[in-house]
N, C-alpha and C. Protein backbone atom coordinates (compact mmCIF):
# COMPACT_ATOMS: atom_id res chain seq x y z
N MET A 1 113.87 141.96 139.36
CA MET A 1 113.75 142.90 139.15
C MET A 1 113.96 144.04 138.48
N ARG A 2 113.88 144.85 137.29
CA ARG A 2 114.39 146.16 136.91
C ARG A 2 114.37 147.05 136.65
N PHE A 3 114.15 148.67 137.24
CA PHE A 3 113.40 149.53 136.41
C PHE A 3 114.57 150.29 135.62
N ILE A 4 114.30 151.02 135.12
CA ILE A 4 114.44 151.49 133.95
C ILE A 4 114.09 153.14 133.37
N ASP A 5 114.39 154.29 133.37
CA ASP A 5 113.68 155.65 133.63
C ASP A 5 114.84 155.86 132.48
N LEU A 6 113.77 155.83 130.87
CA LEU A 6 114.36 156.43 129.64
C LEU A 6 113.35 158.10 129.62
N GLY A 7 112.84 158.60 130.31
CA GLY A 7 113.17 159.93 130.21
C GLY A 7 111.96 160.16 129.12
N VAL A 8 111.76 161.17 128.60
CA VAL A 8 110.83 161.64 127.54
C VAL A 8 112.06 160.78 126.17
N ILE A 9 111.36 160.02 125.31
CA ILE A 9 111.59 159.28 123.99
C ILE A 9 110.34 159.14 122.85
N PRO A 10 111.40 159.56 122.05
CA PRO A 10 109.84 159.23 120.92
C PRO A 10 109.37 158.02 120.34
N TYR A 11 108.39 157.82 120.17
CA TYR A 11 107.99 155.68 119.99
C TYR A 11 108.95 154.65 119.57
N ALA A 12 109.30 155.13 118.75
CA ALA A 12 110.28 153.92 117.69
C ALA A 12 111.22 154.09 118.41
N GLU A 13 111.99 154.47 119.30
CA GLU A 13 113.02 154.17 119.59
C GLU A 13 112.80 154.18 120.78
N ALA A 14 111.97 154.11 121.70
CA ALA A 14 111.41 153.21 122.99
C ALA A 14 110.38 151.47 122.87
N GLU A 15 110.13 151.25 121.14
CA GLU A 15 109.51 150.51 120.57
C GLU A 15 110.68 148.82 120.64
N ALA A 16 111.98 149.96 120.05
CA ALA A 16 112.67 149.10 119.84
C ALA A 16 113.16 148.35 120.93
N ILE A 17 114.27 149.60 122.11
CA ILE A 17 114.25 148.82 123.26
C ILE A 17 113.48 147.50 124.27
N GLN A 18 112.75 147.67 123.92
CA GLN A 18 111.66 147.28 123.96
C GLN A 18 112.16 145.53 123.73
N LYS A 19 112.10 145.69 121.88
CA LYS A 19 112.02 144.47 121.85
C LYS A 19 113.26 143.78 121.96
N THR A 20 114.37 144.45 121.73
CA THR A 20 115.74 144.31 121.74
C THR A 20 115.64 142.99 123.36
N THR A 21 115.33 143.98 124.49
CA THR A 21 114.79 143.42 125.90
C THR A 21 114.21 142.36 125.89
N LEU A 22 113.12 142.53 125.18
CA LEU A 22 111.99 140.73 124.63
C LEU A 22 112.84 139.80 124.02
N GLU A 23 113.64 139.97 123.60
CA GLU A 23 114.37 139.11 122.98
C GLU A 23 115.22 138.18 124.16
N ALA A 24 115.96 140.06 124.68
CA ALA A 24 116.51 139.15 125.96
C ALA A 24 116.54 138.83 127.07
N VAL A 25 115.35 138.59 127.27
CA VAL A 25 113.99 137.91 128.78
C VAL A 25 114.04 136.82 128.12
N MET A 26 113.17 136.66 126.56
CA MET A 26 113.18 135.53 126.33
C MET A 26 114.05 134.47 126.37
N ALA A 27 115.28 134.91 126.11
CA ALA A 27 116.65 133.89 126.13
C ALA A 27 117.19 133.60 127.18
N ASP A 28 116.65 134.06 128.64
CA ASP A 28 117.11 133.75 130.15
C ASP A 28 118.25 134.51 129.94
N ARG A 29 118.80 136.18 129.24
CA ARG A 29 119.80 136.42 129.71
C ARG A 29 119.69 137.97 129.92
N GLN A 30 118.45 137.70 130.15
CA GLN A 30 118.17 139.77 131.02
C GLN A 30 117.18 139.49 132.25
N GLU A 31 117.09 140.14 133.44
CA GLU A 31 115.82 139.62 133.93
C GLU A 31 115.20 140.93 133.94
N ASP A 32 113.77 140.88 134.15
CA ASP A 32 112.16 140.75 133.88
C ASP A 32 112.91 142.51 134.41
N THR A 33 112.47 143.39 133.52
CA THR A 33 112.57 145.07 133.69
C THR A 33 111.53 145.51 132.67
N VAL A 34 111.18 146.75 132.99
CA VAL A 34 110.08 148.10 133.82
C VAL A 34 110.73 149.01 133.12
N PHE A 35 110.56 149.50 131.90
CA PHE A 35 110.91 151.03 131.88
C PHE A 35 109.35 151.91 131.70
N LEU A 36 109.98 152.76 132.35
CA LEU A 36 109.26 153.86 132.22
C LEU A 36 109.52 154.96 131.77
N LEU A 37 109.12 155.87 131.40
CA LEU A 37 109.24 156.90 130.29
C LEU A 37 107.66 157.66 129.97
N GLU A 38 107.80 159.27 128.97
CA GLU A 38 106.70 159.33 129.05
C GLU A 38 106.98 159.31 126.73
N HIS A 39 106.49 160.27 126.39
CA HIS A 39 106.43 159.88 124.65
C HIS A 39 106.20 161.40 124.32
N PRO A 40 107.48 161.73 123.17
CA PRO A 40 106.41 162.87 122.31
C PRO A 40 105.47 162.89 121.57
N ARG A 41 104.38 163.61 121.51
CA ARG A 41 102.46 163.21 121.34
C ARG A 41 102.87 162.21 120.06
N VAL A 42 102.52 160.95 119.76
CA VAL A 42 101.72 160.08 119.10
C VAL A 42 100.32 159.53 119.49
N VAL A 43 100.09 159.19 118.65
CA VAL A 43 98.72 158.62 118.33
C VAL A 43 98.71 156.84 117.78
N THR A 44 98.26 156.28 118.76
CA THR A 44 99.05 154.62 118.26
C THR A 44 97.79 153.90 118.22
N TYR A 45 97.70 152.89 117.50
CA TYR A 45 96.95 152.08 116.38
C TYR A 45 96.97 150.82 117.42
N GLY A 46 96.09 149.62 118.25
CA GLY A 46 95.91 148.44 118.43
C GLY A 46 95.97 147.10 117.89
N ARG A 47 96.43 145.98 117.68
CA ARG A 47 95.76 144.90 117.13
C ARG A 47 94.65 144.67 116.75
N GLN A 48 93.23 146.06 117.51
CA GLN A 48 92.44 145.74 117.54
C GLN A 48 91.98 146.42 115.88
N GLY A 49 92.64 147.11 115.38
CA GLY A 49 92.22 148.36 115.04
C GLY A 49 92.43 149.28 116.20
N GLY A 50 91.63 150.51 115.27
CA GLY A 50 92.18 151.83 115.60
C GLY A 50 91.70 153.07 114.55
N ALA A 51 92.23 152.92 113.20
CA ALA A 51 91.90 153.97 112.43
C ALA A 51 90.29 154.25 112.14
N GLU A 52 89.21 153.85 112.59
CA GLU A 52 88.26 153.95 112.48
C GLU A 52 87.50 155.17 113.76
N ASN A 53 88.67 154.78 114.23
CA ASN A 53 88.48 155.57 115.60
C ASN A 53 88.98 157.54 116.13
N LEU A 54 89.82 157.55 115.17
CA LEU A 54 90.77 158.69 114.32
C LEU A 54 89.56 159.74 113.35
N ARG A 55 89.59 160.90 114.68
CA ARG A 55 88.66 162.06 115.13
C ARG A 55 88.84 162.04 113.10
N ILE A 56 90.56 162.65 113.06
CA ILE A 56 90.67 163.41 111.69
C ILE A 56 91.46 162.73 110.44
N SER A 57 91.65 163.44 109.66
CA SER A 57 92.71 162.63 109.04
C SER A 57 94.03 162.01 109.67
N GLU A 58 94.52 161.28 108.68
CA GLU A 58 95.85 160.87 109.59
C GLU A 58 96.87 161.90 108.83
N ALA A 59 96.97 162.89 107.50
CA ALA A 59 97.04 163.50 106.72
C ALA A 59 97.69 164.87 108.28
N ALA A 60 95.83 164.96 108.16
CA ALA A 60 96.80 166.45 109.41
C ALA A 60 96.39 166.53 110.16
N LEU A 61 96.53 164.98 111.21
CA LEU A 61 97.63 164.53 112.27
C LEU A 61 98.94 164.76 112.54
N LEU A 62 99.58 164.79 110.85
CA LEU A 62 100.89 164.49 111.00
C LEU A 62 100.83 165.56 111.01
N THR A 63 100.49 166.56 110.12
CA THR A 63 100.68 168.21 110.77
C THR A 63 101.04 169.06 111.33
N GLN A 64 99.83 168.76 112.36
CA GLN A 64 100.06 168.76 113.93
C GLN A 64 100.99 168.39 115.12
N GLY A 65 102.08 168.22 114.06
CA GLY A 65 103.29 167.49 114.57
C GLY A 65 102.67 166.03 115.75
N VAL A 66 102.08 165.22 115.28
CA VAL A 66 101.93 164.14 116.18
C VAL A 66 101.93 162.94 115.35
N GLU A 67 102.76 161.95 115.59
CA GLU A 67 102.99 161.14 114.72
C GLU A 67 101.78 160.30 115.17
N LEU A 68 102.02 159.05 114.38
CA LEU A 68 101.06 158.19 114.01
C LEU A 68 101.66 156.58 113.97
N ALA A 69 101.43 155.06 115.57
CA ALA A 69 102.60 154.24 115.52
C ALA A 69 101.36 153.42 115.33
N ARG A 70 101.88 152.28 114.07
CA ARG A 70 100.87 150.83 114.57
C ARG A 70 101.38 150.06 114.99
N THR A 71 101.13 149.36 116.63
CA THR A 71 101.42 148.21 116.85
C THR A 71 101.12 147.05 117.29
N ALA A 72 101.80 146.47 118.17
CA ALA A 72 101.60 144.45 118.76
C ALA A 72 100.64 144.52 119.66
N ARG A 73 100.79 145.66 120.31
CA ARG A 73 99.35 145.43 121.53
C ARG A 73 98.10 145.06 121.50
N GLY A 74 97.36 145.29 122.52
CA GLY A 74 96.11 144.59 122.41
C GLY A 74 95.63 146.31 122.65
N GLY A 75 94.20 146.35 122.45
CA GLY A 75 93.45 146.98 121.86
C GLY A 75 93.29 147.79 121.46
N ASN A 76 92.87 148.65 121.18
CA ASN A 76 92.09 150.06 119.68
C ASN A 76 93.44 151.21 120.31
N ILE A 77 92.29 152.41 119.85
CA ILE A 77 93.51 153.39 119.43
C ILE A 77 93.73 154.15 120.83
N THR A 78 95.00 154.73 120.85
CA THR A 78 94.90 156.07 122.09
C THR A 78 96.09 156.94 122.12
N CYS A 79 96.17 157.21 123.19
CA CYS A 79 97.56 158.16 122.30
C CYS A 79 98.49 158.31 123.79
N HIS A 80 99.85 159.25 123.25
CA HIS A 80 100.78 159.55 124.41
C HIS A 80 101.18 160.82 124.12
N PHE A 81 101.42 161.50 125.40
CA PHE A 81 101.71 162.89 125.14
C PHE A 81 102.78 163.35 126.67
N PRO A 82 103.61 164.14 126.59
CA PRO A 82 104.45 164.39 127.53
C PRO A 82 103.36 164.56 128.30
N GLY A 83 103.85 164.83 130.42
CA GLY A 83 102.79 164.53 131.28
C GLY A 83 102.10 163.30 131.41
N GLN A 84 102.44 162.14 130.37
CA GLN A 84 101.15 160.98 130.49
C GLN A 84 102.95 159.97 131.16
N LEU A 85 102.58 159.73 132.39
CA LEU A 85 103.55 158.15 132.76
C LEU A 85 102.72 157.48 131.62
N VAL A 86 104.09 156.87 131.14
CA VAL A 86 103.90 154.93 130.54
C VAL A 86 104.62 154.48 130.88
N ALA A 87 104.65 152.97 131.38
CA ALA A 87 105.45 151.83 131.60
C ALA A 87 105.08 150.54 130.87
N TYR A 88 106.84 150.14 130.27
CA TYR A 88 106.36 149.33 129.74
C TYR A 88 107.34 147.46 130.17
N PRO A 89 105.91 146.79 131.10
CA PRO A 89 107.31 145.59 131.18
C PRO A 89 107.43 144.54 130.84
N VAL A 90 108.56 144.57 130.56
CA VAL A 90 108.74 143.04 129.74
C VAL A 90 109.20 142.32 130.84
N ILE A 91 108.32 141.00 131.15
CA ILE A 91 108.46 140.11 132.64
C ILE A 91 107.55 138.68 131.71
N ARG A 92 108.40 138.29 132.19
CA ARG A 92 107.95 136.20 131.81
C ARG A 92 107.02 136.42 132.49
N VAL A 93 105.56 135.85 132.64
CA VAL A 93 104.96 135.21 133.33
C VAL A 93 104.49 134.24 133.45
N GLU A 94 105.28 133.71 132.18
CA GLU A 94 104.98 131.79 132.49
C GLU A 94 104.66 131.42 133.41
N LYS A 95 105.12 131.56 134.60
CA LYS A 95 105.57 130.69 136.03
C LYS A 95 105.10 131.44 136.87
N ARG A 96 104.57 133.07 136.47
CA ARG A 96 103.27 133.06 137.25
C ARG A 96 102.36 132.64 137.82
N PRO A 97 101.84 132.71 139.09
CA PRO A 97 100.50 132.27 139.19
C PRO A 97 99.27 133.17 138.26
N GLY A 98 98.20 132.64 138.03
CA GLY A 98 97.25 133.13 136.82
C GLY A 98 97.43 133.37 135.39
N GLY A 99 99.09 133.61 135.28
CA GLY A 99 99.56 133.67 134.49
C GLY A 99 99.06 135.03 133.04
N ILE A 100 98.84 135.71 131.94
CA ILE A 100 98.63 136.55 131.72
C ILE A 100 96.76 138.05 132.83
N ARG A 101 96.08 136.66 132.31
CA ARG A 101 95.19 137.65 133.37
C ARG A 101 95.63 137.98 134.34
N ALA A 102 96.37 137.41 135.73
CA ALA A 102 96.26 137.70 136.64
C ALA A 102 97.52 139.29 136.37
N PHE A 103 98.80 139.11 135.51
CA PHE A 103 99.70 139.77 135.27
C PHE A 103 99.20 140.98 135.03
N PHE A 104 97.73 141.19 134.46
CA PHE A 104 97.24 141.89 133.90
C PHE A 104 96.39 143.13 134.79
N HIS A 105 95.74 141.63 135.23
CA HIS A 105 95.22 142.21 136.82
C HIS A 105 95.80 143.79 137.87
N ASP A 106 96.95 142.60 137.86
CA ASP A 106 98.75 142.56 139.03
C ASP A 106 98.88 145.19 138.07
N MET A 107 98.75 145.06 136.89
CA MET A 107 98.83 146.16 136.72
C MET A 107 97.94 146.84 137.07
N GLU A 108 96.56 146.28 136.51
CA GLU A 108 95.73 147.03 137.26
C GLU A 108 95.96 148.42 138.58
N GLU A 109 95.70 146.87 139.48
CA GLU A 109 96.08 146.68 141.09
C GLU A 109 97.17 147.94 141.31
N ALA A 110 98.77 147.66 139.97
CA ALA A 110 99.46 148.39 140.71
C ALA A 110 98.71 150.67 140.37
N VAL A 111 98.01 150.62 139.12
CA VAL A 111 97.69 151.75 138.94
C VAL A 111 97.06 152.38 139.68
N ILE A 112 95.55 151.49 139.84
CA ILE A 112 94.75 151.63 141.80
C ILE A 112 95.45 152.41 142.68
N ARG A 113 96.47 151.48 142.69
CA ARG A 113 96.84 152.28 144.37
C ARG A 113 97.76 153.29 144.37
N THR A 114 98.10 153.51 142.68
CA THR A 114 99.32 154.92 142.49
C THR A 114 98.33 155.31 143.00
N CYS A 115 97.40 155.40 142.26
CA CYS A 115 95.92 156.62 141.58
C CYS A 115 95.75 157.16 143.57
N ALA A 116 96.06 155.86 144.35
CA ALA A 116 95.52 156.10 145.93
C ALA A 116 95.98 157.04 146.82
N ALA A 117 97.51 156.63 146.26
CA ALA A 117 98.50 157.67 147.02
C ALA A 117 98.25 159.06 147.28
N PHE A 118 97.72 159.49 146.61
CA PHE A 118 97.29 160.56 145.38
C PHE A 118 96.57 161.19 146.07
N GLY A 119 95.45 160.66 146.60
CA GLY A 119 94.15 160.33 147.04
C GLY A 119 93.02 160.70 146.05
N VAL A 120 93.10 159.74 145.00
CA VAL A 120 92.19 159.30 143.94
C VAL A 120 91.43 158.37 143.58
N THR A 121 90.21 157.94 144.29
CA THR A 121 89.49 156.88 144.57
C THR A 121 89.32 156.67 142.32
N THR A 122 90.17 155.29 142.45
CA THR A 122 89.73 154.56 140.98
C THR A 122 88.99 153.54 140.84
N MET A 123 87.86 152.71 139.65
CA MET A 123 87.69 151.24 139.77
C MET A 123 88.51 150.43 138.31
N ARG A 124 87.88 149.21 138.70
CA ARG A 124 87.69 148.90 137.11
C ARG A 124 86.51 148.98 136.49
N ARG A 125 86.12 148.33 135.35
CA ARG A 125 85.03 148.45 134.40
C ARG A 125 84.99 147.06 133.49
N PRO A 126 83.76 146.36 134.55
CA PRO A 126 84.46 145.20 134.27
C PRO A 126 83.86 145.21 132.17
N GLY A 127 84.45 144.36 131.23
CA GLY A 127 84.75 144.33 129.94
C GLY A 127 85.38 145.56 128.98
N HIS A 128 86.19 146.69 130.03
CA HIS A 128 87.13 147.50 128.77
C HIS A 128 87.76 146.97 130.34
N PRO A 129 89.22 146.92 129.72
CA PRO A 129 90.10 146.95 130.48
C PRO A 129 90.97 148.54 130.79
N GLY A 130 91.95 148.56 131.98
CA GLY A 130 91.84 149.76 132.59
C GLY A 130 91.85 150.06 133.40
N VAL A 131 91.60 151.26 133.44
CA VAL A 131 91.44 152.48 134.81
C VAL A 131 90.83 153.26 134.93
N TRP A 132 89.34 153.51 135.64
CA TRP A 132 88.83 154.01 135.80
C TRP A 132 88.16 155.13 136.77
N ILE A 133 87.65 156.51 136.51
CA ILE A 133 87.42 156.84 138.28
C ILE A 133 86.08 156.77 138.67
N ASP A 134 84.85 156.42 137.30
CA ASP A 134 83.97 155.65 137.26
C ASP A 134 83.33 155.61 136.18
N GLU A 135 82.24 155.24 135.09
CA GLU A 135 81.89 154.74 134.07
C GLU A 135 82.04 155.34 132.82
N THR A 136 82.29 156.31 132.71
CA THR A 136 83.03 156.82 131.60
C THR A 136 83.98 157.63 131.60
N ARG A 137 84.51 158.31 132.90
CA ARG A 137 86.48 159.17 132.45
C ARG A 137 87.65 157.58 132.84
N LYS A 138 88.03 157.99 131.94
CA LYS A 138 89.19 156.66 132.13
C LYS A 138 90.34 156.96 131.87
N ILE A 139 91.37 157.42 133.66
CA ILE A 139 92.50 158.13 133.58
C ILE A 139 93.69 156.63 133.42
N CYS A 140 93.85 155.63 132.65
CA CYS A 140 94.45 154.89 132.49
C CYS A 140 94.78 153.74 131.93
N SER A 141 95.41 153.76 130.16
CA SER A 141 95.38 152.43 129.29
C SER A 141 95.79 151.60 129.37
N MET A 142 95.44 150.02 128.79
CA MET A 142 96.42 149.52 128.61
C MET A 142 96.43 148.74 127.30
N GLY A 143 97.26 147.68 127.01
CA GLY A 143 97.10 146.70 126.21
C GLY A 143 98.61 146.38 125.98
N ILE A 144 99.11 145.05 125.81
CA ILE A 144 99.94 144.36 126.30
C ILE A 144 99.83 143.69 124.81
N GLY A 145 101.49 142.98 124.76
CA GLY A 145 101.42 141.97 123.44
C GLY A 145 102.57 140.80 124.13
N VAL A 146 102.06 140.07 123.88
CA VAL A 146 102.91 138.24 124.86
C VAL A 146 103.36 137.64 123.95
N ARG A 147 104.34 137.41 123.76
CA ARG A 147 105.71 136.48 122.67
C ARG A 147 106.21 135.60 123.99
N ARG A 148 106.12 134.37 123.51
CA ARG A 148 106.36 133.39 124.73
C ARG A 148 106.69 133.71 125.81
N TRP A 149 105.11 134.45 126.12
CA TRP A 149 105.34 133.83 127.87
C TRP A 149 105.86 135.22 128.20
N VAL A 150 106.54 136.30 127.78
CA VAL A 150 106.59 137.77 128.01
C VAL A 150 106.27 138.41 127.41
N THR A 151 106.48 139.52 128.06
CA THR A 151 104.69 140.60 127.99
C THR A 151 106.03 142.12 127.88
N TRP A 152 105.42 142.33 126.57
CA TRP A 152 106.36 144.11 126.33
C TRP A 152 104.75 144.35 125.66
N HIS A 153 104.77 146.15 125.54
CA HIS A 153 104.26 147.61 125.79
C HIS A 153 103.29 147.33 127.47
N GLY A 154 102.34 147.90 127.55
CA GLY A 154 101.78 148.44 129.05
C GLY A 154 100.71 148.85 129.20
N LEU A 155 101.12 150.23 129.80
CA LEU A 155 100.27 151.03 129.90
C LEU A 155 100.08 152.75 130.57
N ALA A 156 99.41 153.56 130.23
CA ALA A 156 100.15 154.74 130.14
C ALA A 156 98.75 155.31 130.70
N LEU A 157 99.68 155.87 132.43
CA LEU A 157 98.18 156.52 133.42
C LEU A 157 98.77 158.25 132.82
N ASN A 158 97.22 159.17 132.49
CA ASN A 158 97.45 160.17 132.50
C ASN A 158 97.62 160.88 133.62
N VAL A 159 98.88 161.62 133.89
CA VAL A 159 99.35 162.35 135.40
C VAL A 159 98.95 163.92 135.07
N SER A 160 99.53 164.66 134.11
CA SER A 160 99.08 166.68 134.25
C SER A 160 97.75 166.32 133.66
N ARG A 161 97.29 168.33 133.60
CA ARG A 161 95.97 168.67 133.82
C ARG A 161 95.63 168.53 131.83
N ASP A 162 96.24 168.72 130.84
CA ASP A 162 96.22 168.61 129.79
C ASP A 162 96.09 168.14 128.50
N VAL A 163 95.27 166.75 128.89
CA VAL A 163 95.02 165.44 127.97
C VAL A 163 94.26 165.77 126.20
N SER A 164 94.20 166.79 126.24
CA SER A 164 93.77 167.92 124.40
C SER A 164 94.04 167.01 124.07
N LEU A 165 94.74 165.58 123.09
CA LEU A 165 95.79 165.13 122.79
C LEU A 165 94.21 164.00 122.26
N PHE A 166 93.41 163.56 123.12
CA PHE A 166 92.39 162.79 123.20
C PHE A 166 91.48 163.38 122.53
N ASP A 167 90.95 164.94 122.76
CA ASP A 167 90.30 165.04 120.94
C ASP A 167 89.54 164.69 119.79
N MET A 168 91.44 163.94 119.56
CA MET A 168 91.52 163.51 118.19
C MET A 168 91.03 161.97 117.90
N ILE A 169 90.55 161.72 119.14
CA ILE A 169 90.82 160.13 118.92
C ILE A 169 89.38 159.79 119.80
N THR A 170 88.72 158.92 119.15
CA THR A 170 87.40 157.93 120.37
C THR A 170 88.08 157.50 121.18
N LEU A 171 88.36 157.37 122.50
CA LEU A 171 89.40 157.27 123.46
C LEU A 171 89.07 155.60 123.56
N CYS A 172 89.65 155.07 122.56
CA CYS A 172 89.61 153.51 122.80
C CYS A 172 88.67 152.37 122.21
N GLY A 173 88.13 153.01 120.97
CA GLY A 173 87.12 153.15 120.48
C GLY A 173 86.02 152.69 121.19
N ILE A 174 85.70 153.78 122.65
CA ILE A 174 84.21 153.53 123.45
C ILE A 174 83.69 155.37 123.34
N PRO A 175 82.45 154.90 122.82
CA PRO A 175 81.75 156.64 122.34
C PRO A 175 81.93 157.25 123.26
N ASP A 176 81.72 156.64 124.62
CA ASP A 176 80.47 157.24 125.58
C ASP A 176 82.44 157.19 127.25
N ALA A 177 83.50 156.83 126.74
CA ALA A 177 84.37 157.10 127.22
C ALA A 177 85.04 158.72 127.19
N ALA A 178 85.51 159.19 128.58
CA ALA A 178 86.44 160.76 128.30
C ALA A 178 87.26 160.04 129.42
N PRO A 179 88.78 160.95 128.88
CA PRO A 179 89.43 161.01 129.23
C PRO A 179 90.28 161.65 130.61
N THR A 180 90.51 161.27 131.76
CA THR A 180 90.72 162.76 133.09
C THR A 180 92.24 162.37 133.63
N SER A 181 92.87 162.41 134.24
CA SER A 181 94.08 162.76 134.36
C SER A 181 94.36 162.90 136.11
N LEU A 182 95.31 162.26 136.93
CA LEU A 182 95.64 162.15 138.10
C LEU A 182 95.51 164.06 138.46
N SER A 183 96.36 164.85 138.29
CA SER A 183 96.14 166.24 138.39
C SER A 183 94.35 166.88 138.21
N ALA A 184 93.64 166.74 137.31
CA ALA A 184 92.49 166.98 137.62
C ALA A 184 92.35 167.06 138.66
N GLU A 185 92.71 165.05 138.44
CA GLU A 185 90.70 164.53 140.32
C GLU A 185 91.26 164.99 141.45
N ALA A 186 93.13 164.35 140.99
CA ALA A 186 93.14 165.18 143.38
C ALA A 186 93.15 166.65 143.40
N GLY A 187 92.85 167.73 141.98
CA GLY A 187 92.66 168.97 142.23
C GLY A 187 94.34 170.13 142.38
N ARG A 188 95.00 169.16 142.24
CA ARG A 188 96.16 170.22 142.09
C ARG A 188 97.00 169.48 140.85
N ASP A 189 98.35 170.26 140.79
CA ASP A 189 99.04 169.57 139.81
C ASP A 189 100.49 168.65 140.07
N ILE A 190 100.27 167.99 139.37
CA ILE A 190 100.86 166.49 140.26
C ILE A 190 101.78 166.26 138.99
N SER A 191 103.22 166.05 139.65
CA SER A 191 104.43 165.74 138.64
C SER A 191 104.33 164.46 137.80
N VAL A 192 104.75 163.46 136.80
CA VAL A 192 105.49 162.47 136.51
C VAL A 192 106.05 161.73 137.27
N GLU A 193 107.48 162.74 137.71
CA GLU A 193 108.75 162.03 138.64
C GLU A 193 107.93 161.87 140.32
N GLU A 194 107.20 162.41 140.54
CA GLU A 194 106.16 162.02 142.01
C GLU A 194 105.54 160.58 141.39
N VAL A 195 104.84 160.79 140.03
CA VAL A 195 104.06 159.22 140.26
C VAL A 195 105.28 157.83 139.98
N LYS A 196 106.60 159.00 139.75
CA LYS A 196 106.94 157.31 139.47
C LYS A 196 107.76 156.51 140.05
N ASN A 197 107.69 157.45 141.36
CA ASN A 197 108.63 156.72 142.40
C ASN A 197 107.70 155.69 142.63
N VAL A 198 106.37 156.28 143.08
CA VAL A 198 104.61 155.98 143.47
C VAL A 198 104.74 154.47 142.92
N PHE A 199 104.44 154.53 141.74
CA PHE A 199 104.44 153.81 140.66
C PHE A 199 105.51 152.62 141.41
N LYS A 200 106.43 152.57 140.89
CA LYS A 200 107.46 151.38 141.61
C LYS A 200 107.05 151.23 142.47
N ARG A 201 106.59 152.04 143.58
CA ARG A 201 106.61 150.52 144.36
C ARG A 201 105.35 149.89 144.71
N GLU A 202 104.30 150.33 144.04
CA GLU A 202 103.00 150.05 143.93
C GLU A 202 103.68 148.55 143.02
N PHE A 203 103.60 148.55 141.78
CA PHE A 203 103.59 147.65 140.70
C PHE A 203 104.15 146.81 141.30
N GLU A 204 105.86 146.87 142.07
CA GLU A 204 106.31 145.78 143.50
C GLU A 204 105.68 145.30 144.03
N LYS A 205 105.01 145.90 145.16
CA LYS A 205 103.53 145.30 145.34
C LYS A 205 102.53 144.27 144.93
N ALA A 206 102.58 145.38 143.66
CA ALA A 206 101.52 143.81 143.54
C ALA A 206 101.83 142.92 143.38
N LEU A 207 102.59 143.21 142.45
CA LEU A 207 103.51 141.38 141.58
C LEU A 207 103.11 140.25 142.80
N ALA A 208 104.24 141.02 144.08
CA ALA A 208 104.81 139.93 145.21
C ALA A 208 103.96 139.86 146.13
N HIS A 209 102.47 140.29 146.44
CA HIS A 209 101.07 139.88 147.06
C HIS A 209 100.66 139.08 146.59
N SER A 210 100.87 138.87 144.94
CA SER A 210 99.60 138.17 143.88
C SER A 210 99.99 136.79 144.23
N ALA A 211 101.58 137.18 144.14
CA ALA A 211 102.60 135.83 144.38
C ALA A 211 102.39 134.74 145.45
N VAL A 212 102.41 135.78 146.68
CA VAL A 212 101.99 135.68 148.04
C VAL A 212 100.60 134.50 148.15
N ALA A 213 100.01 135.42 147.96
CA ALA A 213 98.29 134.81 147.55
C ALA A 213 98.18 133.84 147.29
N SER A 214 99.03 133.11 146.24
CA SER A 214 98.54 132.05 145.18
C SER A 214 99.49 130.90 145.63
N ASN A 215 100.44 131.42 146.56
CA ASN A 215 100.68 130.09 147.18
C ASN A 215 100.50 129.91 148.39
N GLN A 216 99.86 130.76 149.11
CA GLN A 216 99.01 130.57 149.91
C GLN A 216 97.14 129.88 150.00
N ALA A 217 97.03 129.89 148.32
CA ALA A 217 95.94 129.31 148.12
C ALA A 217 96.21 127.50 147.50
N ALA A 218 97.59 127.60 147.33
CA ALA A 218 97.89 126.07 146.78
C ALA A 218 98.22 125.30 147.56
N ARG A 219 98.87 126.22 149.76
CA ARG A 219 99.06 125.49 150.07
C ARG A 219 97.66 124.84 151.23
N GLY A 220 96.50 125.43 150.24
CA GLY A 220 95.19 125.27 151.42
C GLY A 220 95.12 125.96 152.66
């Protein structure tokens, strides 16, 4: 597995890179790849929609310099901005123990462990994908796409204190959900660069641990 840091990159450019990599991984021409990046301000709709959860008009959104994108990922509406760590794993899951469900669990686990490394305790909220501080405060949104058992899209972990772009949407279409961030919960400013290094380590560990545990269970 390789990690590629794309820095701050527009949504459409990152999506094009994902698509090229997706085709290569599906054809076994390239190894599993995880892209780490930040986006300029953009609101995205998922396969389940999202326009109904935009709190201002699309025209008003654009006049404020915020892009709008319709995506092939799962989930509803979310947003991206500098100060948020985005990870797009393009990974073949066909032969991974537990398939797509286990992979999604491993993504959540990697974020949970990453937050813990900065002294922030997080949780899963049954029925609501992603990672939460409690029943209302969400720190990480997740939504993936899958083509021929290869994943793309991924997760967005709020790192900086400024999460004001979420004021323009109903987060993930959940009325009681409120955004928070790693810096806000830790009570100190944390950089995306710090988090990238920890996330890389925890993502690799989560996937490796899942595979080992499954193999041990299979051997009885």
